[in-house]
């Protein structure tokens, strides 16, 4: 059974940091790309970042570039999203998705992914 489980969310002040984790199981981790998405209340989901596990190649949304870092620990089948310099507009439910392919310019398209986790809440207070 495929599972993606996010953790690490919470409440943080503006300028603070959080590291989210996405623990994957039930599939061959190296064959996949993992994307981080977020959805704020009343807004559409948006792609934040993506990493191709076998190559380490990454993509970032413009608004998080330079502040967020995606990485993977292949021994633990886990992908991380380190979020620095957090802003109130980063408040959202963050969830990871997996696709049996690689990241590319369309990484932000949710429909391109095969599996999704339930998400973890990130709240940035002003």
Foldseek 3Di string as FASTA:
>chain_A
DWAWAKDWADEAAQQAKIKMKIQIDDDQLQQKKKWKWWDDPPDDIWTAKMARNNPRDMDGDPVQPPFWDWDDDNVRNMIMIIGGRDDQVVWTWMKMFMARHGDDPVNTDPVRTDDIHPTDTHGYHD
